[in-house]
Amino acid sequence: RALAAKNYVLKNFPGISPNRFQTIGRGSSNPVAPNETEGGRQLNRRTDIKVVLATQ
């Protein structure tokens, strides 16, 4: 999922260099909700994107 999000951004925003990305897939190691219910599984199917601005 993380790699798919990265590929989407790079495809739709061609001015962004791939070298400026760090992709981390956490899978089931960092859930935000229990996976016992469909609602919990839906919450855990997510991609968090953090934007860090470069300092000059």
PDB file of N, CA and C in Angstrom:
ATOM      1  N   ARG A   1       0.832  -1.195   0.000  1.00  0.00           N
ATOM      2  CA  ARG A   1       0.000   0.000   0.000  1.00  0.00           C
ATOM      3  C   ARG A   1       0.877   1.259   0.000  1.00  0.00           C
ATOM      4  N   ALA A   2       1.943   1.277   0.778  1.00  0.00           N
ATOM      5  CA  ALA A   2       2.822   2.451   0.821  1.00  0.00           C
ATOM      6  C   ALA A   2       3.484   2.686  -0.533  1.00  0.00           C
ATOM      7  N   LEU A   3       3.928   1.613  -1.157  1.00  0.00           N
ATOM      8  CA  LEU A   3       4.563   1.743  -2.469  1.00  0.00           C
ATOM      9  C   LEU A   3       3.557   2.203  -3.520  1.00  0.00           C
ATOM     10  N   ALA A   4       2.328   1.726  -3.440  1.00  0.00           N
ATOM     11  CA  ALA A   4       1.288   2.162  -4.376  1.00  0.00           C
ATOM     12  C   ALA A   4       1.013   3.653  -4.215  1.00  0.00           C
ATOM     13  N   ALA A   5       1.004   4.140  -2.982  1.00  0.00           N
ATOM     14  CA  ALA A   5       0.787   5.571  -2.738  1.00  0.00           C
ATOM     15  C   ALA A   5       1.942   6.389  -3.312  1.00  0.00           C
ATOM     16  N   LYS A   6       3.157   5.912  -3.105  1.00  0.00           N
ATOM     17  CA  LYS A   6       4.329   6.604  -3.650  1.00  0.00           C
ATOM     18  C   LYS A   6       4.252   6.661  -5.173  1.00  0.00           C
ATOM     19  N   ASN A   7       3.933   5.539  -5.801  1.00  0.00           N
ATOM     20  CA  ASN A   7       3.837   5.500  -7.260  1.00  0.00           C
ATOM     21  C   ASN A   7       2.745   6.424  -7.777  1.00  0.00           C
ATOM     22  N   TYR A   8       1.633   6.512  -7.067  1.00  0.00           N
ATOM     23  CA  TYR A   8       0.543   7.409  -7.460  1.00  0.00           C
ATOM     24  C   TYR A   8       1.020   8.865  -7.441  1.00  0.00           C
ATOM     25  N   VAL A   9       1.690   9.253  -6.372  1.00  0.00           N
ATOM     26  CA  VAL A   9       2.162  10.637  -6.257  1.00  0.00           C
ATOM     27  C   VAL A   9       3.173  10.939  -7.361  1.00  0.00           C
ATOM     28  N   LEU A  10       4.115  10.036  -7.584  1.00  0.00           N
ATOM     29  CA  LEU A  10       5.131  10.278  -8.607  1.00  0.00           C
ATOM     30  C   LEU A  10       4.525  10.355 -10.003  1.00  0.00           C
ATOM     31  N   LYS A  11       3.504   9.559 -10.267  1.00  0.00           N
ATOM     32  CA  LYS A  11       2.856   9.576 -11.581  1.00  0.00           C
ATOM     33  C   LYS A  11       2.054  10.854 -11.789  1.00  0.00           C
ATOM     34  N   ASN A  12       1.378  11.321 -10.760  1.00  0.00           N
ATOM     35  CA  ASN A  12       0.474  12.459 -10.897  1.00  0.00           C
ATOM     36  C   ASN A  12       1.117  13.811 -10.600  1.00  0.00           C
ATOM     37  N   PHE A  13       2.303  13.795 -10.029  1.00  0.00           N
ATOM     38  CA  PHE A  13       3.040  15.027  -9.735  1.00  0.00           C
ATOM     39  C   PHE A  13       4.470  14.838 -10.240  1.00  0.00           C
ATOM     40  N   PRO A  14       4.682  14.926 -11.557  1.00  0.00           N
ATOM     41  CA  PRO A  14       5.984  14.591 -12.140  1.00  0.00           C
ATOM     42  C   PRO A  14       7.129  15.500 -11.709  1.00  0.00           C
ATOM     43  N   GLY A  15       6.849  16.629 -11.097  1.00  0.00           N
ATOM     44  CA  GLY A  15       7.915  17.517 -10.646  1.00  0.00           C
ATOM     45  C   GLY A  15       8.584  17.065  -9.360  1.00  0.00           C
ATOM     46  N   ILE A  16       8.053  16.030  -8.732  1.00  0.00           N
ATOM     47  CA  ILE A  16       8.617  15.533  -7.476  1.00  0.00           C
ATOM     48  C   ILE A  16       9.617  14.424  -7.788  1.00  0.00           C
ATOM     49  N   SER A  17      10.821  14.558  -7.263  1.00  0.00           N
ATOM     50  CA  SER A  17      11.867  13.566  -7.494  1.00  0.00           C
ATOM     51  C   SER A  17      11.631  12.319  -6.641  1.00  0.00           C
ATOM     52  N   PRO A  18      11.784  11.140  -7.221  1.00  0.00           N
ATOM     53  CA  PRO A  18      11.646   9.904  -6.439  1.00  0.00           C
ATOM     54  C   PRO A  18      12.661   9.813  -5.302  1.00  0.00           C
ATOM     55  N   ASN A  19      13.777  10.523  -5.432  1.00  0.00           N
ATOM     56  CA  ASN A  19      14.806  10.501  -4.391  1.00  0.00           C
ATOM     57  C   ASN A  19      14.368  11.224  -3.122  1.00  0.00           C
ATOM     58  N   ARG A  20      13.266  11.951  -3.194  1.00  0.00           N
ATOM     59  CA  ARG A  20      12.798  12.704  -2.033  1.00  0.00           C
ATOM     60  C   ARG A  20      11.778  11.925  -1.213  1.00  0.00           C
ATOM     61  N   PHE A  21      11.585  10.654  -1.553  1.00  0.00           N
ATOM     62  CA  PHE A  21      10.606   9.820  -0.865  1.00  0.00           C
ATOM     63  C   PHE A  21      11.281   8.793   0.017  1.00  0.00           C
ATOM     64  N   GLN A  22      10.662   8.534   1.126  1.00  0.00           N
ATOM     65  CA  GLN A  22      11.011   7.384   1.950  1.00  0.00           C
ATOM     66  C   GLN A  22       9.714   6.610   2.151  1.00  0.00           C
ATOM     67  N   THR A  23       9.693   5.370   1.736  1.00  0.00           N
ATOM     68  CA  THR A  23       8.484   4.558   1.819  1.00  0.00           C
ATOM     69  C   THR A  23       8.662   3.511   2.907  1.00  0.00           C
ATOM     70  N   ILE A  24       7.722   3.482   3.840  1.00  0.00           N
ATOM     71  CA  ILE A  24       7.769   2.510   4.932  1.00  0.00           C
ATOM     72  C   ILE A  24       6.432   1.785   4.982  1.00  0.00           C
ATOM     73  N   GLY A  25       6.453   0.481   4.785  1.00  0.00           N
ATOM     74  CA  GLY A  25       5.251  -0.332   4.933  1.00  0.00           C
ATOM     75  C   GLY A  25       5.257  -0.969   6.311  1.00  0.00           C
ATOM     76  N   ARG A  26       4.217  -0.765   7.068  1.00  0.00           N
ATOM     77  CA  ARG A  26       4.187  -1.303   8.430  1.00  0.00           C
ATOM     78  C   ARG A  26       3.238  -2.480   8.578  1.00  0.00           C
ATOM     79  N   GLY A  27       2.395  -2.696   7.591  1.00  0.00           N
ATOM     80  CA  GLY A  27       1.493  -3.839   7.630  1.00  0.00           C
ATOM     81  C   GLY A  27       0.726  -3.930   8.930  1.00  0.00           C
ATOM     82  N   SER A  28       0.716  -5.084   9.530  1.00  0.00           N
ATOM     83  CA  SER A  28      -0.054  -5.294  10.762  1.00  0.00           C
ATOM     84  C   SER A  28       0.714  -4.888  12.013  1.00  0.00           C
ATOM     85  N   SER A  29       1.921  -4.365  11.872  1.00  0.00           N
ATOM     86  CA  SER A  29       2.723  -4.031  13.051  1.00  0.00           C
ATOM     87  C   SER A  29       2.324  -2.714  13.709  1.00  0.00           C
ATOM     88  N   ASN A  30       1.494  -1.904  13.045  1.00  0.00           N
ATOM     89  CA  ASN A  30       1.127  -0.606  13.603  1.00  0.00           C
ATOM     90  C   ASN A  30      -0.354  -0.304  13.363  1.00  0.00           C
ATOM     91  N   PRO A  31      -1.263  -1.166  13.841  1.00  0.00           N
ATOM     92  CA  PRO A  31      -2.690  -0.922  13.610  1.00  0.00           C
ATOM     93  C   PRO A  31      -3.210   0.233  14.456  1.00  0.00           C
ATOM     94  N   VAL A  32      -4.234   0.920  13.948  1.00  0.00           N
ATOM     95  CA  VAL A  32      -4.891   1.976  14.725  1.00  0.00           C
ATOM     96  C   VAL A  32      -6.173   1.470  15.367  1.00  0.00           C
ATOM     97  N   ALA A  33      -6.595   0.267  14.972  1.00  0.00           N
ATOM     98  CA  ALA A  33      -7.818  -0.330  15.513  1.00  0.00           C
ATOM     99  C   ALA A  33      -7.643  -1.848  15.510  1.00  0.00           C
ATOM    100  N   PRO A  34      -8.408  -2.561  16.335  1.00  0.00           N
ATOM    101  CA  PRO A  34      -8.335  -4.027  16.333  1.00  0.00           C
ATOM    102  C   PRO A  34      -8.821  -4.594  14.995  1.00  0.00           C
ATOM    103  N   ASN A  35      -8.220  -5.682  14.562  1.00  0.00           N
ATOM    104  CA  ASN A  35      -8.588  -6.304  13.294  1.00  0.00           C
ATOM    105  C   ASN A  35      -9.718  -7.324  13.430  1.00  0.00           C
ATOM    106  N   GLU A  36     -10.344  -7.405  14.597  1.00  0.00           N
ATOM    107  CA  GLU A  36     -11.397  -8.395  14.816  1.00  0.00           C
ATOM    108  C   GLU A  36     -12.700  -8.046  14.103  1.00  0.00           C
ATOM    109  N   THR A  37     -12.901  -6.783  13.761  1.00  0.00           N
ATOM    110  CA  THR A  37     -14.137  -6.376  13.091  1.00  0.00           C
ATOM    111  C   THR A  37     -13.806  -5.783  11.722  1.00  0.00           C
ATOM    112  N   GLU A  38     -14.799  -5.783  10.842  1.00  0.00           N
ATOM    113  CA  GLU A  38     -14.599  -5.186   9.518  1.00  0.00           C
ATOM    114  C   GLU A  38     -14.292  -3.696   9.642  1.00  0.00           C
ATOM    115  N   GLY A  39     -14.951  -3.023  10.583  1.00  0.00           N
ATOM    116  CA  GLY A  39     -14.681  -1.598  10.794  1.00  0.00           C
ATOM    117  C   GLY A  39     -13.240  -1.346  11.197  1.00  0.00           C
ATOM    118  N   GLY A  40     -12.711  -2.188  12.072  1.00  0.00           N
ATOM    119  CA  GLY A  40     -11.313  -2.060  12.478  1.00  0.00           C
ATOM    120  C   GLY A  40     -10.371  -2.320  11.323  1.00  0.00           C
ATOM    121  N   ARG A  41     -10.670  -3.343  10.534  1.00  0.00           N
ATOM    122  CA  ARG A  41      -9.827  -3.638   9.372  1.00  0.00           C
ATOM    123  C   ARG A  41      -9.854  -2.492   8.367  1.00  0.00           C
ATOM    124  N   GLN A  42     -11.017  -1.861   8.190  1.00  0.00           N
ATOM    125  CA  GLN A  42     -11.098  -0.713   7.280  1.00  0.00           C
ATOM    126  C   GLN A  42     -10.218   0.430   7.774  1.00  0.00           C
ATOM    127  N   LEU A  43     -10.245   0.675   9.076  1.00  0.00           N
ATOM    128  CA  LEU A  43      -9.404   1.748   9.623  1.00  0.00           C
ATOM    129  C   LEU A  43      -7.923   1.444   9.443  1.00  0.00           C
ATOM    130  N   ASN A  44      -7.566   0.179   9.481  1.00  0.00           N
ATOM    131  CA  ASN A  44      -6.164  -0.206   9.351  1.00  0.00           C
ATOM    132  C   ASN A  44      -5.680  -0.238   7.909  1.00  0.00           C
ATOM    133  N   ARG A  45      -6.577  -0.218   6.951  1.00  0.00           N
ATOM    134  CA  ARG A  45      -6.184  -0.136   5.540  1.00  0.00           C
ATOM    135  C   ARG A  45      -6.032   1.344   5.198  1.00  0.00           C
ATOM    136  N   ARG A  46      -4.882   1.853   5.515  1.00  0.00           N
ATOM    137  CA  ARG A  46      -4.671   3.288   5.378  1.00  0.00           C
ATOM    138  C   ARG A  46      -3.249   3.550   4.895  1.00  0.00           C
ATOM    139  N   THR A  47      -3.038   4.748   4.444  1.00  0.00           N
ATOM    140  CA  THR A  47      -1.706   5.230   4.108  1.00  0.00           C
ATOM    141  C   THR A  47      -1.542   6.588   4.766  1.00  0.00           C
ATOM    142  N   ASP A  48      -0.532   6.715   5.591  1.00  0.00           N
ATOM    143  CA  ASP A  48      -0.214   7.997   6.215  1.00  0.00           C
ATOM    144  C   ASP A  48       0.911   8.627   5.406  1.00  0.00           C
ATOM    145  N   ILE A  49       0.728   9.880   5.044  1.00  0.00           N
ATOM    146  CA  ILE A  49       1.754  10.596   4.284  1.00  0.00           C
ATOM    147  C   ILE A  49       2.202  11.790   5.102  1.00  0.00           C
ATOM    148  N   LYS A  50       3.489  11.856   5.333  1.00  0.00           N
ATOM    149  CA  LYS A  50       4.063  12.982   6.076  1.00  0.00           C
ATOM    150  C   LYS A  50       4.873  13.815   5.090  1.00  0.00           C
ATOM    151  N   VAL A  51       4.607  15.102   5.057  1.00  0.00           N
ATOM    152  CA  VAL A  51       5.342  16.022   4.187  1.00  0.00           C
ATOM    153  C   VAL A  51       6.319  16.798   5.054  1.00  0.00           C
ATOM    154  N   VAL A  52       7.581  16.733   4.683  1.00  0.00           N
ATOM    155  CA  VAL A  52       8.621  17.460   5.401  1.00  0.00           C
ATOM    156  C   VAL A  52       9.225  18.461   4.426  1.00  0.00           C
ATOM    157  N   LEU A  53       9.125  19.718   4.763  1.00  0.00           N
ATOM    158  CA  LEU A  53       9.664  20.760   3.892  1.00  0.00           C
ATOM    159  C   LEU A  53      11.172  20.864   4.068  1.00  0.00           C
ATOM    160  N   ALA A  54      11.851  21.060   2.969  1.00  0.00           N
ATOM    161  CA  ALA A  54      13.300  21.210   3.008  1.00  0.00           C
ATOM    162  C   ALA A  54      13.658  22.568   3.588  1.00  0.00           C
ATOM    163  N   THR A  55      14.692  22.595   4.400  1.00  0.00           N
ATOM    164  CA  THR A  55      15.182  23.869   4.929  1.00  0.00           C
ATOM    165  C   THR A  55      16.292  24.375   4.015  1.00  0.00           C
ATOM    166  N   GLN A  56      16.390  25.690   3.946  1.00  0.00           N
ATOM    167  CA  GLN A  56      17.418  26.269   3.068  1.00  0.00           C
ATOM    168  C   GLN A  56      18.480  26.959   3.867  1.00  0.00           C
TER     169      GLN A  56
END
